[in-house]
Amino acid sequence: MAHYTTDEPVYALATPFSPSALAVLRASGDGVTKLFAPFFTGRLLSAPSSSAVHGFIVDGTGERIDEVMVIRYGKGHGYTSEEAFEIMCHGSLPVIRRISRLLEECGIREALPGEFTYRAFMHGRMDLTEAEAVEEIVSSKTERGASDALFRLTGSIHSEAEKAKDSILDILASLEVQLDYGEDEIPEEWEFPSERVDPICSRLLSIAATYSSSRLWSDGALVVIAGRTNAGKSSLFNVLLKQNRAIVSPVEGTTRDYIEADAVIAGIPVHLFDTAGLRDTEESIEAEGIRRTEDLMEKADLIVYVIDPSSGDVPPDDSRVLAVYSRLDLTGSDGSLAFSSVTGEGMDQVIDAIAKRLTDGLDACTGVPRIDSERQRDALIAASDALKDAEQSMQFGYDVVAMYLQSALSSLADLTGETTGEDVLDRLFSSFCLGK
């Protein structure tokens, strides 16, 4: 795994490498502007920080490469808090390649994925929770996921961690007064302040509990449409996708392998599967399709089990199963969840039911910032566990209580990145996209 540094200038393309009206290349590091200035006709070195300068990029012979705008950032003012600049050029692939080669010839190396955000973190521009929120915004699949990530980017998790740390430090300070005295000199008995610690634990665990909900809105759910042959599975699949993706036929066993597609149902990103109908068969290809259906059902977050009302079929006994009846236009409603792929009747109810099942129990924690990081969840739980251990260890002496309180502080420091090791940082930032 490549190791991140802050001791040399770097550049990267911050927009997709594809033909477009504009492209943006960014560069950052000590002395980076002086390295690039000889190859730019604008007055870049004398430009105020955060100002845009018009000019041409030229090669070593003076030949023009492109007409561009360059935004210069003085040290302490840009995204990384380093000296930096951003080039806005035409989105021509040959132009992007030539500018990239020129930057490397200037002594500016290509950045690793996430290296700009790594530098922003290392220079104190943001803490680790805010750095993670940057990538979460970029990779979000829904408006809610992006909104939650933006809230984290403004420091909501950092603020919660600081409040908890301040309270724990106050408690630890009062305890250490006792530790400074000998056993015969203790001025008064110290009692564990449960009335202060318990709300901290509750708050930390409430934030940690939002992880599952946030992952649903950011990563989505695996939803499998299953049922017997000719039950209406492919019809439902097509209606949910709003396109005729799966073949619909009255012939049983038409779908012999699964079909998958991404969809958004009630704002929730969903990876949707239409599967082979379940039945006993001697035909080897269809049997393999049924086996794959069963494998997908094992992995599913939700199984939408489609039933033909005339078949006498019953849904599997599984908490992940949502039974849906088809052919509502032919059979009418008996109060069960049902739909018609012909008229569209009942589809709003089916969509609402899917959304309700996917979000059931996930939005119980309100009034706290949401997290989308397993690392953050684990740190929050570890801090809460340490506080509970501190409360339960009073019988073993003040020094043991103090040890657990220090452990809680350490977990909160891990949360914000104050004490996170380089290997963890390298692994975390390597998941970012180039240019971030």
Protein backbone atom coordinates (compact mmCIF):
# COMPACT_ATOMS: atom_id res chain seq x y z
CA MET A 1 0.00 0.00 0.00
CA ALA A 2 1.34 3.43 -0.97
CA HIS A 3 2.22 5.74 1.89
CA TYR A 4 0.87 9.27 2.05
CA THR A 5 3.20 12.21 2.66
CA THR A 6 3.02 15.99 2.86
CA ASP A 7 6.61 16.80 1.92
CA GLU A 8 6.33 17.08 -1.87
CA PRO A 9 3.96 18.87 -4.29
CA VAL A 10 1.24 16.76 -5.92
CA TYR A 11 -1.38 17.17 -8.64
CA ALA A 12 -4.44 15.29 -9.84
CA LEU A 13 -7.31 15.56 -12.27
CA ALA A 14 -10.34 16.47 -10.16
CA THR A 15 -12.92 15.84 -12.90
CA PRO A 16 -13.62 12.65 -14.89
CA PHE A 17 -11.14 11.78 -17.62
CA SER A 18 -13.61 12.10 -20.48
CA PRO A 19 -14.39 14.69 -23.14
CA SER A 20 -16.22 17.63 -21.58
CA ALA A 21 -16.62 21.39 -21.73
CA LEU A 22 -14.24 21.92 -18.83
CA ALA A 23 -11.74 19.94 -16.79
CA VAL A 24 -10.10 20.82 -13.47
CA LEU A 25 -6.61 19.86 -12.37
CA ARG A 26 -5.50 20.76 -8.88
CA ALA A 27 -2.01 20.93 -7.37
CA SER A 28 -0.86 21.40 -3.79
CA GLY A 29 2.35 21.60 -1.78
CA ASP A 30 5.06 23.97 -0.66
CA GLY A 31 6.50 25.92 -3.59
CA VAL A 32 4.04 24.44 -6.08
CA THR A 33 3.06 27.81 -7.58
CA LYS A 34 6.67 28.79 -8.24
CA LEU A 35 7.26 25.46 -10.02
CA PHE A 36 4.32 26.02 -12.36
CA ALA A 37 4.54 29.80 -12.90
CA PRO A 38 7.20 29.74 -15.69
CA PHE A 39 4.78 27.72 -17.84
CA PHE A 40 1.83 30.07 -17.41
CA THR A 41 1.51 33.45 -19.09
CA GLY A 42 -0.69 35.01 -16.38
CA ARG A 43 0.68 36.88 -13.35
CA LEU A 44 0.18 33.99 -10.97
CA LEU A 45 2.85 34.66 -8.34
CA SER A 46 1.58 38.17 -7.58
CA ALA A 47 -2.12 37.22 -7.63
CA PRO A 48 -4.01 37.48 -4.31
CA SER A 49 -5.04 34.24 -2.66
CA SER A 50 -8.31 32.76 -3.94
CA SER A 51 -8.22 34.90 -7.09
CA ALA A 52 -8.56 33.63 -10.65
CA VAL A 53 -5.94 34.47 -13.27
CA HIS A 54 -6.46 34.15 -17.03
CA GLY A 55 -3.67 33.04 -19.32
CA PHE A 56 -2.15 30.32 -21.48
CA ILE A 57 -0.27 27.22 -20.39
CA VAL A 58 2.86 26.84 -22.51
CA ASP A 59 5.44 24.09 -22.82
CA GLY A 60 9.21 24.45 -22.52
CA THR A 61 9.48 25.84 -26.05
CA GLY A 62 6.80 28.46 -25.48
CA GLU A 63 4.16 26.63 -27.53
CA ARG A 64 0.67 27.19 -26.19
CA ILE A 65 -1.08 24.12 -24.77
CA ASP A 66 -4.41 25.64 -23.73
CA GLU A 67 -6.15 28.82 -22.66
CA VAL A 68 -7.08 28.44 -19.01
CA MET A 69 -8.16 30.05 -15.76
CA VAL A 70 -5.97 29.34 -12.72
CA ILE A 71 -7.13 29.92 -9.14
CA ARG A 72 -4.24 30.49 -6.75
CA TYR A 73 -4.44 29.68 -3.02
CA GLY A 74 -1.91 30.99 -0.55
CA LYS A 75 -0.74 28.82 2.33
CA GLY A 76 -3.51 28.38 4.87
CA HIS A 77 -6.30 29.37 2.49
CA GLY A 78 -7.01 26.38 0.20
CA TYR A 79 -8.60 22.99 0.68
CA THR A 80 -5.39 21.36 1.93
CA SER A 81 -4.20 24.43 3.88
CA GLU A 82 -1.06 24.24 1.73
CA GLU A 83 -0.01 26.52 -1.09
CA ALA A 84 -2.11 25.35 -4.05
CA PHE A 85 -3.68 26.15 -7.41
CA GLU A 86 -6.46 24.80 -9.60
CA ILE A 87 -6.39 24.84 -13.41
CA MET A 88 -9.69 25.10 -15.29
CA CYS A 89 -8.93 24.03 -18.84
CA HIS A 90 -10.89 22.72 -21.83
CA GLY A 91 -12.02 19.13 -21.32
CA SER A 92 -10.06 17.75 -24.25
CA LEU A 93 -8.31 14.48 -23.48
CA PRO A 94 -5.12 15.44 -25.38
CA VAL A 95 -5.05 18.78 -23.53
CA ILE A 96 -5.49 17.07 -20.15
CA ARG A 97 -2.67 14.65 -20.98
CA ARG A 98 -0.31 17.45 -22.05
CA ILE A 99 -0.99 19.53 -18.93
CA SER A 100 -0.50 16.46 -16.73
CA ARG A 101 2.85 15.70 -18.37
CA LEU A 102 3.90 19.33 -17.98
CA LEU A 103 3.09 19.32 -14.26
CA GLU A 104 5.19 16.18 -13.79
CA GLU A 105 8.04 17.77 -15.74
CA CYS A 106 7.77 20.73 -13.33
CA GLY A 107 8.50 18.37 -10.44
CA ILE A 108 4.91 17.87 -9.29
CA ARG A 109 4.02 14.19 -8.90
CA GLU A 110 0.58 12.66 -9.44
CA ALA A 111 -1.36 12.42 -6.19
CA LEU A 112 -2.62 9.20 -4.66
CA PRO A 113 -6.39 8.70 -4.19
CA GLY A 114 -7.56 10.89 -1.33
CA GLU A 115 -4.18 12.58 -0.88
CA PHE A 116 -5.60 16.11 -0.95
CA THR A 117 -8.05 15.28 1.84
CA TYR A 118 -5.26 13.48 3.72
CA ARG A 119 -3.22 16.68 3.63
CA ALA A 120 -6.23 18.74 4.74
CA PHE A 121 -6.57 16.37 7.72
CA MET A 122 -2.86 16.41 8.56
CA HIS A 123 -2.77 20.22 8.49
CA GLY A 124 -5.77 20.49 10.83
CA ARG A 125 -8.20 21.71 8.16
CA MET A 126 -10.64 18.99 9.25
CA ASP A 127 -10.80 16.08 11.65
CA LEU A 128 -11.09 12.45 10.55
CA THR A 129 -14.90 12.35 10.74
CA GLU A 130 -15.08 15.38 8.46
CA ALA A 131 -12.53 13.84 6.08
CA GLU A 132 -14.64 10.68 5.85
CA ALA A 133 -17.69 12.84 5.14
CA VAL A 134 -15.97 14.22 2.03
CA GLU A 135 -15.85 10.78 0.42
CA GLU A 136 -19.34 9.98 1.70
CA ILE A 137 -20.71 13.03 -0.14
CA VAL A 138 -18.93 12.05 -3.35
CA SER A 139 -20.16 8.44 -3.22
CA SER A 140 -23.70 9.12 -1.93
CA LYS A 141 -26.51 7.67 -4.04
CA THR A 142 -29.44 9.63 -2.63
CA GLU A 143 -30.23 13.20 -1.62
CA ARG A 144 -30.66 12.12 1.99
CA GLY A 145 -27.28 10.37 2.00
CA ALA A 146 -25.61 13.50 0.63
CA SER A 147 -27.44 15.71 3.13
CA ASP A 148 -26.39 13.55 6.10
CA ALA A 149 -22.78 13.52 4.89
CA LEU A 150 -22.80 17.31 4.47
CA PHE A 151 -23.97 17.67 8.08
CA ARG A 152 -21.03 15.52 9.19
CA LEU A 153 -18.71 17.65 7.07
CA THR A 154 -19.73 20.71 9.09
CA GLY A 155 -18.29 19.08 12.21
CA SER A 156 -21.38 17.58 13.86
CA ILE A 157 -19.58 14.41 15.01
CA HIS A 158 -16.51 16.38 16.07
CA SER A 159 -18.72 18.64 18.18
CA GLU A 160 -20.36 15.65 19.89
CA ALA A 161 -16.96 14.10 20.63
CA GLU A 162 -15.62 17.34 22.11
CA LYS A 163 -18.62 17.74 24.40
CA ALA A 164 -18.21 14.18 25.67
CA LYS A 165 -14.47 14.64 26.17
CA ASP A 166 -14.94 17.86 28.12
CA SER A 167 -17.37 16.16 30.49
CA ILE A 168 -15.12 13.14 30.97
CA LEU A 169 -12.09 15.37 31.60
CA ASP A 170 -14.02 17.25 34.28
CA ILE A 171 -14.91 13.95 35.97
CA LEU A 172 -11.35 12.69 35.65
CA ALA A 173 -9.97 15.92 37.13
CA SER A 174 -12.18 15.57 40.21
CA LEU A 175 -11.08 11.94 40.59
CA GLU A 176 -7.38 12.72 40.26
CA VAL A 177 -7.66 15.11 43.19
CA GLN A 178 -8.39 12.01 45.24
CA LEU A 179 -5.50 10.10 43.66
CA ASP A 180 -3.08 12.90 44.64
CA TYR A 181 -3.74 12.22 48.33
CA GLY A 182 -2.58 9.24 50.35
CA GLU A 183 -5.20 6.82 51.68
CA ASP A 184 -5.18 8.57 55.09
CA GLU A 185 -5.37 12.05 53.57
CA ILE A 186 -8.44 11.76 51.32
CA PRO A 187 -10.56 14.80 52.20
CA GLU A 188 -13.89 13.21 51.38
CA GLU A 189 -15.36 10.14 49.74
CA TRP A 190 -15.63 10.43 45.95
CA GLU A 191 -18.80 9.08 44.37
CA PHE A 192 -19.07 8.08 40.76
CA PRO A 193 -21.17 10.75 38.94
CA SER A 194 -23.61 8.41 37.22
CA GLU A 195 -25.99 11.30 36.60
CA ARG A 196 -23.33 12.81 34.31
CA VAL A 197 -21.89 9.66 32.75
CA ASP A 198 -25.13 7.86 31.87
CA PRO A 199 -26.37 10.65 29.53
CA ILE A 200 -22.98 10.63 27.79
CA CYS A 201 -23.22 6.87 27.20
CA SER A 202 -26.79 7.21 25.97
CA ARG A 203 -25.83 9.98 23.54
CA LEU A 204 -22.83 8.09 22.15
CA LEU A 205 -24.84 4.90 21.66
CA SER A 206 -27.68 6.83 19.99
CA ILE A 207 -25.21 8.20 17.44
CA ALA A 208 -23.67 4.74 16.94
CA ALA A 209 -27.14 3.28 16.34
CA THR A 210 -27.65 5.53 13.29
CA TYR A 211 -25.02 3.55 11.38
CA SER A 212 -27.45 0.96 9.99
CA SER A 213 -29.88 3.63 8.81
CA SER A 214 -27.14 5.69 7.17
CA ARG A 215 -25.73 2.67 5.38
CA LEU A 216 -29.19 1.96 3.96
CA TRP A 217 -29.49 5.47 2.55
CA SER A 218 -25.92 5.56 1.22
CA ASP A 219 -25.25 1.98 0.06
CA GLY A 220 -28.79 0.73 -0.41
CA ALA A 221 -30.44 -2.63 0.14
CA LEU A 222 -30.45 -5.96 -1.65
CA VAL A 223 -34.07 -6.72 -2.56
CA VAL A 224 -34.96 -10.06 -4.15
CA ILE A 225 -38.25 -10.63 -5.95
CA ALA A 226 -39.07 -14.32 -5.54
CA GLY A 227 -42.02 -16.70 -5.83
CA ARG A 228 -43.35 -19.59 -7.86
CA THR A 229 -43.18 -19.70 -11.62
CA ASN A 230 -45.58 -17.40 -13.46
CA ALA A 231 -46.56 -15.57 -10.27
CA GLY A 232 -45.89 -12.10 -11.70
CA LYS A 233 -42.36 -11.53 -10.47
CA SER A 234 -40.99 -10.15 -13.74
CA SER A 235 -44.03 -7.88 -14.11
CA LEU A 236 -43.37 -6.39 -10.68
CA PHE A 237 -39.66 -6.06 -11.49
CA ASN A 238 -40.47 -4.09 -14.65
CA VAL A 239 -42.98 -1.84 -12.89
CA LEU A 240 -40.51 -1.01 -10.11
CA LEU A 241 -37.82 -0.21 -12.68
CA LYS A 242 -40.29 1.69 -14.91
CA GLN A 243 -38.93 -0.17 -17.94
CA ASN A 244 -39.46 -3.51 -19.67
CA ARG A 245 -36.23 -5.09 -18.53
CA ALA A 246 -37.42 -8.65 -17.84
CA ILE A 247 -39.30 -10.84 -20.35
CA VAL A 248 -42.90 -11.38 -19.31
CA SER A 249 -44.59 -14.51 -20.65
CA PRO A 250 -47.42 -16.85 -19.64
CA VAL A 251 -45.01 -19.74 -20.19
CA GLU A 252 -43.78 -21.10 -16.86
CA GLY A 253 -40.04 -21.04 -16.28
CA THR A 254 -39.35 -18.12 -18.66
CA THR A 255 -36.84 -16.62 -16.21
CA ARG A 256 -34.08 -19.18 -15.74
CA ASP A 257 -31.43 -16.94 -14.24
CA TYR A 258 -31.64 -13.81 -12.16
CA ILE A 259 -31.77 -10.31 -13.65
CA GLU A 260 -30.44 -7.43 -11.58
CA ALA A 261 -30.70 -3.68 -11.76
CA ASP A 262 -30.26 -0.62 -9.56
CA ALA A 263 -33.35 1.34 -8.65
CA VAL A 264 -34.50 3.95 -6.17
CA ILE A 265 -37.64 3.04 -4.22
CA ALA A 266 -39.14 5.81 -2.09
CA GLY A 267 -35.74 7.51 -2.08
CA ILE A 268 -33.89 4.36 -0.98
CA PRO A 269 -31.19 2.99 -3.31
CA VAL A 270 -32.00 -0.65 -4.03
CA HIS A 271 -30.18 -3.41 -5.88
CA LEU A 272 -33.16 -5.30 -7.28
CA PHE A 273 -33.22 -8.92 -8.46
CA ASP A 274 -35.82 -10.73 -10.55
CA THR A 275 -35.30 -14.44 -10.05
CA ALA A 276 -36.17 -17.84 -11.48
CA GLY A 277 -39.52 -19.22 -10.30
CA LEU A 278 -39.44 -21.73 -7.46
CA ARG A 279 -40.75 -25.19 -8.32
CA ASP A 280 -39.64 -28.82 -8.59
CA THR A 281 -38.00 -29.48 -11.92
CA GLU A 282 -35.83 -32.10 -13.61
CA GLU A 283 -34.50 -29.63 -16.18
CA SER A 284 -30.87 -28.93 -15.27
CA ILE A 285 -30.65 -25.30 -16.44
CA GLU A 286 -33.85 -24.28 -14.68
CA ALA A 287 -32.73 -26.17 -11.55
CA GLU A 288 -29.49 -24.16 -11.53
CA GLY A 289 -31.51 -20.95 -11.81
CA ILE A 290 -33.63 -22.00 -8.83
CA ARG A 291 -30.49 -22.76 -6.82
CA ARG A 292 -29.21 -19.27 -7.56
CA THR A 293 -32.56 -17.81 -6.50
CA GLU A 294 -32.27 -19.59 -3.16
CA ASP A 295 -28.71 -18.30 -2.72
CA LEU A 296 -29.89 -14.73 -3.34
CA MET A 297 -32.77 -15.14 -0.90
CA GLU A 298 -30.23 -16.10 1.77
CA LYS A 299 -28.32 -12.84 1.20
CA ALA A 300 -31.31 -10.52 0.75
CA ASP A 301 -32.16 -7.63 3.04
CA LEU A 302 -35.76 -8.01 1.88
CA ILE A 303 -37.54 -10.76 -0.07
CA VAL A 304 -40.60 -9.55 -1.97
CA TYR A 305 -42.48 -12.83 -2.39
CA VAL A 306 -44.99 -12.60 -5.24
CA ILE A 307 -48.05 -14.87 -5.09
CA ASP A 308 -50.66 -15.64 -7.74
CA PRO A 309 -53.93 -15.61 -5.74
CA SER A 310 -55.20 -18.64 -7.66
CA SER A 311 -52.13 -20.78 -6.91
CA GLY A 312 -52.73 -21.49 -3.24
CA ASP A 313 -49.08 -20.64 -2.59
CA VAL A 314 -48.04 -19.38 0.86
CA PRO A 315 -45.02 -17.19 1.64
CA PRO A 316 -41.96 -18.63 3.41
CA ASP A 317 -41.77 -18.22 7.17
CA ASP A 318 -39.00 -15.62 7.22
CA SER A 319 -38.97 -12.21 8.89
CA ARG A 320 -37.42 -10.74 5.74
CA VAL A 321 -40.37 -11.78 3.55
CA LEU A 322 -42.95 -9.29 2.29
CA ALA A 323 -45.84 -11.15 0.67
CA VAL A 324 -47.36 -9.40 -2.35
CA TYR A 325 -50.26 -10.71 -4.41
CA SER A 326 -50.41 -10.17 -8.17
CA ARG A 327 -53.25 -9.82 -10.72
CA LEU A 328 -55.26 -7.38 -8.63
CA ASP A 329 -57.16 -6.31 -11.77
CA LEU A 330 -58.50 -9.87 -12.16
CA THR A 331 -59.07 -11.00 -8.59
CA GLY A 332 -60.00 -7.83 -6.76
CA SER A 333 -58.82 -6.97 -3.27
CA ASP A 334 -59.38 -8.92 -0.08
CA GLY A 335 -57.34 -6.51 1.99
CA SER A 336 -53.99 -8.17 1.29
CA LEU A 337 -51.07 -6.24 -0.20
CA ALA A 338 -51.64 -6.64 -3.94
CA PHE A 339 -50.89 -4.99 -7.28
CA SER A 340 -51.80 -5.07 -10.95
CA SER A 341 -49.04 -4.69 -13.50
CA VAL A 342 -51.70 -3.96 -16.12
CA THR A 343 -53.48 -1.03 -14.44
CA GLY A 344 -50.83 -0.03 -11.91
CA GLU A 345 -53.38 -0.33 -9.12
CA GLY A 346 -51.82 -1.08 -5.74
CA MET A 347 -48.27 -0.17 -6.76
CA ASP A 348 -48.10 2.85 -4.45
CA GLN A 349 -49.03 0.60 -1.54
CA VAL A 350 -46.42 -1.99 -2.56
CA ILE A 351 -43.71 0.68 -2.79
CA ASP A 352 -44.71 2.13 0.60
CA ALA A 353 -44.63 -1.36 2.13
CA ILE A 354 -41.15 -2.06 0.74
CA ALA A 355 -39.84 1.26 2.07
CA LYS A 356 -41.43 0.68 5.46
CA ARG A 357 -39.91 -2.78 5.81
CA LEU A 358 -36.45 -1.55 4.79
CA THR A 359 -36.51 1.35 7.25
CA ASP A 360 -38.36 -0.40 10.08
CA GLY A 361 -36.62 0.36 13.36
CA LEU A 362 -33.81 2.35 11.72
CA ASP A 363 -35.08 5.88 12.33
CA ALA A 364 -35.68 5.53 16.05
CA CYS A 365 -32.68 7.71 16.93
CA THR A 366 -33.63 11.30 16.23
CA GLY A 367 -31.96 14.52 17.33
CA VAL A 368 -28.43 13.15 16.85
CA PRO A 369 -26.05 13.31 13.87
CA ARG A 370 -25.95 10.21 11.69
CA ILE A 371 -22.80 8.27 10.95
CA ASP A 372 -21.89 6.26 7.85
CA SER A 373 -18.63 4.74 9.06
CA GLU A 374 -18.07 1.41 10.77
CA ARG A 375 -14.89 2.85 12.25
CA GLN A 376 -16.83 5.68 13.86
CA ARG A 377 -19.50 3.31 15.17
CA ASP A 378 -16.87 1.08 16.79
CA ALA A 379 -15.11 4.05 18.41
CA LEU A 380 -18.38 5.39 19.83
CA ILE A 381 -19.33 1.99 21.25
CA ALA A 382 -15.84 1.53 22.70
CA ALA A 383 -16.04 4.91 24.45
CA SER A 384 -19.45 4.08 25.90
CA ASP A 385 -18.27 0.63 27.04
CA ALA A 386 -15.26 2.17 28.78
CA LEU A 387 -17.51 4.61 30.65
CA LYS A 388 -19.76 1.77 31.78
CA ASP A 389 -16.71 -0.22 32.90
CA ALA A 390 -15.53 2.81 34.87
CA GLU A 391 -18.85 2.97 36.70
CA GLN A 392 -18.78 -0.74 37.50
CA SER A 393 -15.16 -0.73 38.74
CA MET A 394 -15.56 1.53 41.77
CA GLN A 395 -15.02 -1.46 44.06
CA PHE A 396 -11.53 -1.94 42.62
CA GLY A 397 -10.26 1.53 43.46
CA TYR A 398 -10.00 4.99 42.02
CA ASP A 399 -6.99 4.17 39.87
CA VAL A 400 -8.98 1.52 37.94
CA VAL A 401 -11.83 3.97 37.44
CA ALA A 402 -9.36 6.52 36.13
CA MET A 403 -7.90 3.94 33.74
CA TYR A 404 -11.33 3.31 32.17
CA LEU A 405 -12.06 7.03 31.92
CA GLN A 406 -8.76 7.46 30.09
CA SER A 407 -9.74 4.60 27.80
CA ALA A 408 -12.99 6.40 26.94
CA LEU A 409 -10.99 9.53 26.09
CA SER A 410 -8.68 7.45 23.92
CA SER A 411 -11.62 6.00 21.96
CA LEU A 412 -12.99 9.48 21.35
CA ALA A 413 -9.55 10.60 20.19
CA ASP A 414 -9.55 7.66 17.74
CA LEU A 415 -12.97 8.80 16.54
CA THR A 416 -11.75 12.25 15.51
CA GLY A 417 -8.34 11.05 14.33
CA GLU A 418 -6.18 12.57 17.04
CA THR A 419 -4.46 9.24 17.77
CA THR A 420 -5.14 7.20 14.63
CA GLY A 421 -2.18 5.22 13.27
CA GLU A 422 -0.68 5.77 9.83
CA ASP A 423 -1.76 2.31 8.62
CA VAL A 424 -5.39 3.14 9.38
CA LEU A 425 -5.10 6.53 7.67
CA ASP A 426 -3.49 5.01 4.57
CA ARG A 427 -6.24 2.40 4.31
CA LEU A 428 -8.99 4.97 4.85
CA PHE A 429 -7.79 7.59 2.36
CA SER A 430 -6.90 5.04 -0.31
CA SER A 431 -10.63 4.40 -0.73
CA PHE A 432 -11.16 7.99 -1.89
CA CYS A 433 -11.37 8.97 -5.53
CA LEU A 434 -8.49 10.64 -7.36
CA GLY A 435 -8.47 14.43 -7.05
CA LYS A 436 -9.94 14.28 -3.53
